[in-house]
Structure formats: C-alpha cells, structure tokens
Amino acid sequence: MGTKEIADARAGMGWTSEPFVIPQEVYAAWDVKEAGAHAEAEWNKQFDAYRVKYSAEAAEFVRRMNGELPAKWAQDAKDIAEREGHY
C-alpha cells in the first residue's frame, strides 16, 4: 500500500494514533492476562486432582510435556539396534 492508501485506510477506520502505537484502551480490551491466569489456575486444580487419582499417568504426561525421554530410552534404543543388527 502506498502512503495515500494507508492514510485513507486509517481515516476509514477512525484510527488517529501514530503508526506502531497501540492506544491503552485497545491494549486493555485485548489483554487476556487475567483470564489466562484464571484458566491456568483451573487447569492446575484439575490436574492436581488427576495426579492424585492417576499418579503414573500424570507423571508420564509431565515427562512428555517437559520434553524428557523415558528413563530407559538409551538402553532400549541400544537393545533394539542390537536385535535388528545395527550395532
């Protein structure tokens, strides 16, 4: 878009702020920190209850979410490679 098109678009939207400036009222309307914190607290509450009931499954979920390999991964990989003749 050229300068005129940008000016026309801004005028059409009633946008009077400087380029790259977000007015506080727009920022506040789009701010979801409080809602996100509430959703996270609810998730943590539900996951804590799940962890009590299904501790092994919860631990596995946490391990995967942390990007950690299973404890025996290196040995299991070596065993498979040896069995398949790759070692």
PDB file of N, CA and C in Angstrom:
ATOM      1  N   MET A   1       0.842  -1.181   0.000  1.00  0.00           N
ATOM      2  CA  MET A   1       0.000   0.000   0.000  1.00  0.00           C
ATOM      3  C   MET A   1       0.881   1.237   0.000  1.00  0.00           C
ATOM      4  N   GLY A   2       0.409   2.235  -0.702  1.00  0.00           N
ATOM      5  CA  GLY A   2       1.124   3.499  -0.724  1.00  0.00           C
ATOM      6  C   GLY A   2       0.692   4.398   0.423  1.00  0.00           C
ATOM      7  N   THR A   3       1.325   5.549   0.519  1.00  0.00           N
ATOM      8  CA  THR A   3       1.040   6.499   1.605  1.00  0.00           C
ATOM      9  C   THR A   3      -0.418   6.935   1.593  1.00  0.00           C
ATOM     10  N   LYS A   4      -0.966   7.231   0.407  1.00  0.00           N
ATOM     11  CA  LYS A   4      -2.364   7.675   0.313  1.00  0.00           C
ATOM     12  C   LYS A   4      -3.317   6.560   0.753  1.00  0.00           C
ATOM     13  N   GLU A   5      -3.055   5.340   0.304  1.00  0.00           N
ATOM     14  CA  GLU A   5      -3.922   4.221   0.682  1.00  0.00           C
ATOM     15  C   GLU A   5      -3.890   3.978   2.189  1.00  0.00           C
ATOM     16  N   ILE A   6      -2.705   4.104   2.758  1.00  0.00           N
ATOM     17  CA  ILE A   6      -2.585   3.927   4.209  1.00  0.00           C
ATOM     18  C   ILE A   6      -3.360   5.021   4.931  1.00  0.00           C
ATOM     19  N   ALA A   7      -3.221   6.252   4.499  1.00  0.00           N
ATOM     20  CA  ALA A   7      -3.946   7.371   5.112  1.00  0.00           C
ATOM     21  C   ALA A   7      -5.449   7.177   4.973  1.00  0.00           C
ATOM     22  N   ASP A   8      -5.893   6.740   3.793  1.00  0.00           N
ATOM     23  CA  ASP A   8      -7.327   6.503   3.575  1.00  0.00           C
ATOM     24  C   ASP A   8      -7.844   5.375   4.467  1.00  0.00           C
ATOM     25  N   ALA A   9      -7.060   4.298   4.581  1.00  0.00           N
ATOM     26  CA  ALA A   9      -7.465   3.180   5.429  1.00  0.00           C
ATOM     27  C   ALA A   9      -7.565   3.616   6.882  1.00  0.00           C
ATOM     28  N   ARG A  10      -6.574   4.370   7.333  1.00  0.00           N
ATOM     29  CA  ARG A  10      -6.588   4.858   8.716  1.00  0.00           C
ATOM     30  C   ARG A  10      -7.801   5.754   8.952  1.00  0.00           C
ATOM     31  N   ALA A  11      -8.093   6.618   8.006  1.00  0.00           N
ATOM     32  CA  ALA A  11      -9.248   7.515   8.136  1.00  0.00           C
ATOM     33  C   ALA A  11     -10.551   6.714   8.137  1.00  0.00           C
ATOM     34  N   GLY A  12     -10.623   5.688   7.280  1.00  0.00           N
ATOM     35  CA  GLY A  12     -11.817   4.859   7.208  1.00  0.00           C
ATOM     36  C   GLY A  12     -12.096   4.098   8.492  1.00  0.00           C
ATOM     37  N   MET A  13     -11.049   3.757   9.202  1.00  0.00           N
ATOM     38  CA  MET A  13     -11.200   3.042  10.473  1.00  0.00           C
ATOM     39  C   MET A  13     -11.303   3.995  11.654  1.00  0.00           C
ATOM     40  N   GLY A  14     -11.095   5.271  11.404  1.00  0.00           N
ATOM     41  CA  GLY A  14     -11.101   6.225  12.507  1.00  0.00           C
ATOM     42  C   GLY A  14      -9.865   6.105  13.383  1.00  0.00           C
ATOM     43  N   TRP A  15      -8.786   5.600  12.790  1.00  0.00           N
ATOM     44  CA  TRP A  15      -7.545   5.383  13.529  1.00  0.00           C
ATOM     45  C   TRP A  15      -6.734   6.668  13.536  1.00  0.00           C
ATOM     46  N   THR A  16      -6.571   7.250  14.729  1.00  0.00           N
ATOM     47  CA  THR A  16      -5.866   8.533  14.831  1.00  0.00           C
ATOM     48  C   THR A  16      -4.518   8.413  15.532  1.00  0.00           C
ATOM     49  N   SER A  17      -4.198   7.245  16.022  1.00  0.00           N
ATOM     50  CA  SER A  17      -2.920   7.055  16.713  1.00  0.00           C
ATOM     51  C   SER A  17      -1.780   7.026  15.707  1.00  0.00           C
ATOM     52  N   GLU A  18      -0.595   7.321  16.190  1.00  0.00           N
ATOM     53  CA  GLU A  18       0.594   7.271  15.357  1.00  0.00           C
ATOM     54  C   GLU A  18       0.871   5.833  14.928  1.00  0.00           C
ATOM     55  N   PRO A  19       1.588   5.654  13.821  1.00  0.00           N
ATOM     56  CA  PRO A  19       1.952   4.288  13.425  1.00  0.00           C
ATOM     57  C   PRO A  19       2.718   3.573  14.553  1.00  0.00           C
ATOM     58  N   PHE A  20       2.426   2.290  14.717  1.00  0.00           N
ATOM     59  CA  PHE A  20       3.072   1.414  15.699  1.00  0.00           C
ATOM     60  C   PHE A  20       2.749   1.784  17.144  1.00  0.00           C
ATOM     61  N   VAL A  21       1.715   2.594  17.355  1.00  0.00           N
ATOM     62  CA  VAL A  21       1.281   2.945  18.704  1.00  0.00           C
ATOM     63  C   VAL A  21      -0.085   2.305  18.934  1.00  0.00           C
ATOM     64  N   ILE A  22      -0.198   1.557  20.017  1.00  0.00           N
ATOM     65  CA  ILE A  22      -1.476   0.933  20.367  1.00  0.00           C
ATOM     66  C   ILE A  22      -2.063   1.733  21.526  1.00  0.00           C
ATOM     67  N   PRO A  23      -3.221   2.331  21.319  1.00  0.00           N
ATOM     68  CA  PRO A  23      -3.838   3.095  22.406  1.00  0.00           C
ATOM     69  C   PRO A  23      -4.140   2.201  23.606  1.00  0.00           C
ATOM     70  N   GLN A  24      -4.056   2.758  24.782  1.00  0.00           N
ATOM     71  CA  GLN A  24      -4.248   1.992  26.007  1.00  0.00           C
ATOM     72  C   GLN A  24      -5.599   1.292  26.034  1.00  0.00           C
ATOM     73  N   GLU A  25      -6.651   1.936  25.560  1.00  0.00           N
ATOM     74  CA  GLU A  25      -7.972   1.293  25.598  1.00  0.00           C
ATOM     75  C   GLU A  25      -8.045   0.068  24.676  1.00  0.00           C
ATOM     76  N   VAL A  26      -7.319   0.101  23.567  1.00  0.00           N
ATOM     77  CA  VAL A  26      -7.267  -1.064  22.679  1.00  0.00           C
ATOM     78  C   VAL A  26      -6.459  -2.170  23.357  1.00  0.00           C
ATOM     79  N   TYR A  27      -5.324  -1.812  23.901  1.00  0.00           N
ATOM     80  CA  TYR A  27      -4.486  -2.784  24.604  1.00  0.00           C
ATOM     81  C   TYR A  27      -5.273  -3.443  25.738  1.00  0.00           C
ATOM     82  N   ALA A  28      -5.986  -2.638  26.514  1.00  0.00           N
ATOM     83  CA  ALA A  28      -6.744  -3.162  27.651  1.00  0.00           C
ATOM     84  C   ALA A  28      -7.852  -4.100  27.180  1.00  0.00           C
ATOM     85  N   ALA A  29      -8.499  -3.781  26.062  1.00  0.00           N
ATOM     86  CA  ALA A  29      -9.582  -4.621  25.553  1.00  0.00           C
ATOM     87  C   ALA A  29      -9.075  -5.986  25.098  1.00  0.00           C
ATOM     88  N   TRP A  30      -7.841  -6.053  24.649  1.00  0.00           N
ATOM     89  CA  TRP A  30      -7.269  -7.309  24.144  1.00  0.00           C
ATOM     90  C   TRP A  30      -6.415  -8.023  25.186  1.00  0.00           C
ATOM     91  N   ASP A  31      -6.239  -7.464  26.339  1.00  0.00           N
ATOM     92  CA  ASP A  31      -5.397  -8.052  27.378  1.00  0.00           C
ATOM     93  C   ASP A  31      -6.132  -9.230  28.026  1.00  0.00           C
ATOM     94  N   VAL A  32      -5.565 -10.410  27.929  1.00  0.00           N
ATOM     95  CA  VAL A  32      -6.200 -11.603  28.480  1.00  0.00           C
ATOM     96  C   VAL A  32      -5.383 -12.223  29.615  1.00  0.00           C
ATOM     97  N   LYS A  33      -4.506 -11.435  30.214  1.00  0.00           N
ATOM     98  CA  LYS A  33      -3.668 -11.973  31.292  1.00  0.00           C
ATOM     99  C   LYS A  33      -4.506 -12.495  32.446  1.00  0.00           C
ATOM    100  N   GLU A  34      -5.513 -11.741  32.852  1.00  0.00           N
ATOM    101  CA  GLU A  34      -6.340 -12.154  33.989  1.00  0.00           C
ATOM    102  C   GLU A  34      -7.128 -13.417  33.644  1.00  0.00           C
ATOM    103  N   ALA A  35      -7.726 -13.448  32.465  1.00  0.00           N
ATOM    104  CA  ALA A  35      -8.486 -14.638  32.052  1.00  0.00           C
ATOM    105  C   ALA A  35      -7.551 -15.833  31.907  1.00  0.00           C
ATOM    106  N   GLY A  36      -6.349 -15.608  31.381  1.00  0.00           N
ATOM    107  CA  GLY A  36      -5.378 -16.693  31.243  1.00  0.00           C
ATOM    108  C   GLY A  36      -4.930 -17.221  32.588  1.00  0.00           C
ATOM    109  N   ALA A  37      -4.711 -16.326  33.529  1.00  0.00           N
ATOM    110  CA  ALA A  37      -4.307 -16.748  34.874  1.00  0.00           C
ATOM    111  C   ALA A  37      -5.416 -17.576  35.522  1.00  0.00           C
ATOM    112  N   HIS A  38      -6.667 -17.170  35.321  1.00  0.00           N
ATOM    113  CA  HIS A  38      -7.796 -17.923  35.865  1.00  0.00           C
ATOM    114  C   HIS A  38      -7.877 -19.305  35.216  1.00  0.00           C
ATOM    115  N   ALA A  39      -7.733 -19.368  33.893  1.00  0.00           N
ATOM    116  CA  ALA A  39      -7.786 -20.655  33.191  1.00  0.00           C
ATOM    117  C   ALA A  39      -6.649 -21.563  33.636  1.00  0.00           C
ATOM    118  N   GLU A  40      -5.457 -20.997  33.816  1.00  0.00           N
ATOM    119  CA  GLU A  40      -4.320 -21.800  34.261  1.00  0.00           C
ATOM    120  C   GLU A  40      -4.547 -22.324  35.681  1.00  0.00           C
ATOM    121  N   ALA A  41      -5.094 -21.495  36.548  1.00  0.00           N
ATOM    122  CA  ALA A  41      -5.366 -21.925  37.922  1.00  0.00           C
ATOM    123  C   ALA A  41      -6.384 -23.063  37.925  1.00  0.00           C
ATOM    124  N   GLU A  42      -7.388 -22.963  37.086  1.00  0.00           N
ATOM    125  CA  GLU A  42      -8.397 -24.025  36.986  1.00  0.00           C
ATOM    126  C   GLU A  42      -7.776 -25.314  36.448  1.00  0.00           C
ATOM    127  N   TRP A  43      -6.922 -25.175  35.419  1.00  0.00           N
ATOM    128  CA  TRP A  43      -6.220 -26.341  34.873  1.00  0.00           C
ATOM    129  C   TRP A  43      -5.369 -27.007  35.955  1.00  0.00           C
ATOM    130  N   ASN A  44      -4.608 -26.212  36.692  1.00  0.00           N
ATOM    131  CA  ASN A  44      -3.748 -26.756  37.747  1.00  0.00           C
ATOM    132  C   ASN A  44      -4.569 -27.478  38.816  1.00  0.00           C
ATOM    133  N   LYS A  45      -5.711 -26.918  39.156  1.00  0.00           N
ATOM    134  CA  LYS A  45      -6.590 -27.541  40.151  1.00  0.00           C
ATOM    135  C   LYS A  45      -7.069 -28.904  39.641  1.00  0.00           C
ATOM    136  N   GLN A  46      -7.517 -28.940  38.383  1.00  0.00           N
ATOM    137  CA  GLN A  46      -7.998 -30.202  37.822  1.00  0.00           C
ATOM    138  C   GLN A  46      -6.862 -31.211  37.654  1.00  0.00           C
ATOM    139  N   PHE A  47      -5.700 -30.735  37.243  1.00  0.00           N
ATOM    140  CA  PHE A  47      -4.580 -31.653  37.066  1.00  0.00           C
ATOM    141  C   PHE A  47      -4.109 -32.204  38.398  1.00  0.00           C
ATOM    142  N   ASP A  48      -4.137 -31.396  39.441  1.00  0.00           N
ATOM    143  CA  ASP A  48      -3.766 -31.883  40.775  1.00  0.00           C
ATOM    144  C   ASP A  48      -4.696 -33.020  41.211  1.00  0.00           C
ATOM    145  N   ALA A  49      -5.988 -32.885  40.928  1.00  0.00           N
ATOM    146  CA  ALA A  49      -6.943 -33.943  41.257  1.00  0.00           C
ATOM    147  C   ALA A  49      -6.655 -35.186  40.411  1.00  0.00           C
ATOM    148  N   TYR A  50      -6.334 -34.986  39.146  1.00  0.00           N
ATOM    149  CA  TYR A  50      -5.981 -36.102  38.263  1.00  0.00           C
ATOM    150  C   TYR A  50      -4.727 -36.804  38.771  1.00  0.00           C
ATOM    151  N   ARG A  51      -3.752 -36.007  39.186  1.00  0.00           N
ATOM    152  CA  ARG A  51      -2.475 -36.563  39.681  1.00  0.00           C
ATOM    153  C   ARG A  51      -2.703 -37.448  40.910  1.00  0.00           C
ATOM    154  N   VAL A  52      -3.633 -37.069  41.764  1.00  0.00           N
ATOM    155  CA  VAL A  52      -3.935 -37.878  42.950  1.00  0.00           C
ATOM    156  C   VAL A  52      -4.532 -39.222  42.536  1.00  0.00           C
ATOM    157  N   LYS A  53      -5.419 -39.188  41.557  1.00  0.00           N
ATOM    158  CA  LYS A  53      -6.117 -40.404  41.138  1.00  0.00           C
ATOM    159  C   LYS A  53      -5.280 -41.270  40.194  1.00  0.00           C
ATOM    160  N   TYR A  54      -4.492 -40.634  39.330  1.00  0.00           N
ATOM    161  CA  TYR A  54      -3.713 -41.345  38.311  1.00  0.00           C
ATOM    162  C   TYR A  54      -2.263 -40.860  38.331  1.00  0.00           C
ATOM    163  N   SER A  55      -1.553 -41.197  39.372  1.00  0.00           N
ATOM    164  CA  SER A  55      -0.205 -40.636  39.563  1.00  0.00           C
ATOM    165  C   SER A  55       0.768 -41.040  38.465  1.00  0.00           C
ATOM    166  N   ALA A  56       0.748 -42.286  38.022  1.00  0.00           N
ATOM    167  CA  ALA A  56       1.683 -42.733  36.982  1.00  0.00           C
ATOM    168  C   ALA A  56       1.403 -42.020  35.655  1.00  0.00           C
ATOM    169  N   GLU A  57       0.129 -41.924  35.298  1.00  0.00           N
ATOM    170  CA  GLU A  57      -0.233 -41.264  34.048  1.00  0.00           C
ATOM    171  C   GLU A  57       0.111 -39.776  34.094  1.00  0.00           C
ATOM    172  N   ALA A  58      -0.104 -39.160  35.247  1.00  0.00           N
ATOM    173  CA  ALA A  58       0.223 -37.740  35.398  1.00  0.00           C
ATOM    174  C   ALA A  58       1.719 -37.518  35.283  1.00  0.00           C
ATOM    175  N   ALA A  59       2.503 -38.402  35.881  1.00  0.00           N
ATOM    176  CA  ALA A  59       3.960 -38.286  35.796  1.00  0.00           C
ATOM    177  C   ALA A  59       4.421 -38.441  34.349  1.00  0.00           C
ATOM    178  N   GLU A  60       3.811 -39.362  33.621  1.00  0.00           N
ATOM    179  CA  GLU A  60       4.154 -39.565  32.212  1.00  0.00           C
ATOM    180  C   GLU A  60       3.803 -38.318  31.388  1.00  0.00           C
ATOM    181  N   PHE A  61       2.659 -37.732  31.665  1.00  0.00           N
ATOM    182  CA  PHE A  61       2.260 -36.502  30.975  1.00  0.00           C
ATOM    183  C   PHE A  61       3.272 -35.388  31.230  1.00  0.00           C
ATOM    184  N   VAL A  62       3.651 -35.204  32.476  1.00  0.00           N
ATOM    185  CA  VAL A  62       4.622 -34.162  32.836  1.00  0.00           C
ATOM    186  C   VAL A  62       5.956 -34.415  32.148  1.00  0.00           C
ATOM    187  N   ARG A  63       6.400 -35.670  32.143  1.00  0.00           N
ATOM    188  CA  ARG A  63       7.662 -36.009  31.483  1.00  0.00           C
ATOM    189  C   ARG A  63       7.619 -35.626  30.011  1.00  0.00           C
ATOM    190  N   ARG A  64       6.539 -35.999  29.347  1.00  0.00           N
ATOM    191  CA  ARG A  64       6.416 -35.685  27.920  1.00  0.00           C
ATOM    192  C   ARG A  64       6.322 -34.178  27.681  1.00  0.00           C
ATOM    193  N   MET A  65       5.581 -33.485  28.505  1.00  0.00           N
ATOM    194  CA  MET A  65       5.442 -32.029  28.338  1.00  0.00           C
ATOM    195  C   MET A  65       6.772 -31.322  28.571  1.00  0.00           C
ATOM    196  N   ASN A  66       7.625 -31.906  29.388  1.00  0.00           N
ATOM    197  CA  ASN A  66       8.952 -31.341  29.635  1.00  0.00           C
ATOM    198  C   ASN A  66       9.965 -31.745  28.573  1.00  0.00           C
ATOM    199  N   GLY A  67       9.542 -32.580  27.633  1.00  0.00           N
ATOM    200  CA  GLY A  67      10.429 -32.992  26.555  1.00  0.00           C
ATOM    201  C   GLY A  67      11.508 -33.961  26.996  1.00  0.00           C
ATOM    202  N   GLU A  68      11.248 -34.690  28.056  1.00  0.00           N
ATOM    203  CA  GLU A  68      12.231 -35.628  28.584  1.00  0.00           C
ATOM    204  C   GLU A  68      11.996 -37.018  27.990  1.00  0.00           C
ATOM    205  N   LEU A  69      13.076 -37.705  27.678  1.00  0.00           N
ATOM    206  CA  LEU A  69      12.984 -39.079  27.194  1.00  0.00           C
ATOM    207  C   LEU A  69      12.725 -40.016  28.367  1.00  0.00           C
ATOM    208  N   PRO A  70      12.134 -41.181  28.093  1.00  0.00           N
ATOM    209  CA  PRO A  70      11.930 -42.151  29.171  1.00  0.00           C
ATOM    210  C   PRO A  70      13.264 -42.533  29.811  1.00  0.00           C
ATOM    211  N   ALA A  71      13.233 -42.933  31.062  1.00  0.00           N
ATOM    212  CA  ALA A  71      14.450 -43.236  31.814  1.00  0.00           C
ATOM    213  C   ALA A  71      15.293 -44.305  31.129  1.00  0.00           C
ATOM    214  N   LYS A  72      14.657 -45.304  30.550  1.00  0.00           N
ATOM    215  CA  LYS A  72      15.400 -46.400  29.927  1.00  0.00           C
ATOM    216  C   LYS A  72      15.567 -46.222  28.427  1.00  0.00           C
ATOM    217  N   TRP A  73      15.357 -45.047  27.900  1.00  0.00           N
ATOM    218  CA  TRP A  73      15.359 -44.837  26.456  1.00  0.00           C
ATOM    219  C   TRP A  73      16.679 -45.255  25.803  1.00  0.00           C
ATOM    220  N   ALA A  74      17.789 -44.840  26.350  1.00  0.00           N
ATOM    221  CA  ALA A  74      19.090 -45.148  25.739  1.00  0.00           C
ATOM    222  C   ALA A  74      19.323 -46.656  25.692  1.00  0.00           C
ATOM    223  N   GLN A  75      19.035 -47.337  26.791  1.00  0.00           N
ATOM    224  CA  GLN A  75      19.228 -48.791  26.817  1.00  0.00           C
ATOM    225  C   GLN A  75      18.249 -49.489  25.878  1.00  0.00           C
ATOM    226  N   ASP A  76      16.994 -49.055  25.870  1.00  0.00           N
ATOM    227  CA  ASP A  76      16.006 -49.661  24.971  1.00  0.00           C
ATOM    228  C   ASP A  76      16.402 -49.458  23.512  1.00  0.00           C
ATOM    229  N   ALA A  77      16.876 -48.271  23.159  1.00  0.00           N
ATOM    230  CA  ALA A  77      17.306 -47.997  21.785  1.00  0.00           C
ATOM    231  C   ALA A  77      18.481 -48.892  21.405  1.00  0.00           C
ATOM    232  N   LYS A  78      19.412 -49.053  22.321  1.00  0.00           N
ATOM    233  CA  LYS A  78      20.573 -49.914  22.060  1.00  0.00           C
ATOM    234  C   LYS A  78      20.137 -51.366  21.883  1.00  0.00           C
ATOM    235  N   ASP A  79      19.235 -51.824  22.736  1.00  0.00           N
ATOM    236  CA  ASP A  79      18.737 -53.201  22.639  1.00  0.00           C
ATOM    237  C   ASP A  79      18.050 -53.442  21.296  1.00  0.00           C
ATOM    238  N   ILE A  80      17.246 -52.508  20.869  1.00  0.00           N
ATOM    239  CA  ILE A  80      16.551 -52.647  19.580  1.00  0.00           C
ATOM    240  C   ILE A  80      17.558 -52.661  18.436  1.00  0.00           C
ATOM    241  N   ALA A  81      18.523 -51.755  18.487  1.00  0.00           N
ATOM    242  CA  ALA A  81      19.533 -51.681  17.428  1.00  0.00           C
ATOM    243  C   ALA A  81      20.331 -52.983  17.355  1.00  0.00           C
ATOM    244  N   GLU A  82      20.686 -53.520  18.499  1.00  0.00           N
ATOM    245  CA  GLU A  82      21.433 -54.784  18.517  1.00  0.00           C
ATOM    246  C   GLU A  82      20.573 -55.930  17.978  1.00  0.00           C
ATOM    247  N   ARG A  83      19.328 -55.962  18.377  1.00  0.00           N
ATOM    248  CA  ARG A  83      18.411 -57.014  17.931  1.00  0.00           C
ATOM    249  C   ARG A  83      18.198 -56.932  16.408  1.00  0.00           C
ATOM    250  N   GLU A  84      18.180 -55.733  15.875  1.00  0.00           N
ATOM    251  CA  GLU A  84      17.959 -55.535  14.444  1.00  0.00           C
ATOM    252  C   GLU A  84      19.257 -55.604  13.644  1.00  0.00           C
ATOM    253  N   GLY A  85      20.382 -55.804  14.345  1.00  0.00           N
ATOM    254  CA  GLY A  85      21.658 -55.937  13.665  1.00  0.00           C
ATOM    255  C   GLY A  85      22.282 -54.635  13.236  1.00  0.00           C
ATOM    256  N   HIS A  86      21.957 -53.558  13.911  1.00  0.00           N
ATOM    257  CA  HIS A  86      22.503 -52.243  13.570  1.00  0.00           C
ATOM    258  C   HIS A  86      23.706 -51.868  14.445  1.00  0.00           C
ATOM    259  N   TYR A  87      24.074 -52.744  15.343  1.00  0.00           N
ATOM    260  CA  TYR A  87      25.227 -52.488  16.210  1.00  0.00           C
ATOM    261  C   TYR A  87      26.266 -53.530  15.978  1.00  0.00           C
TER     262      TYR A  87
END
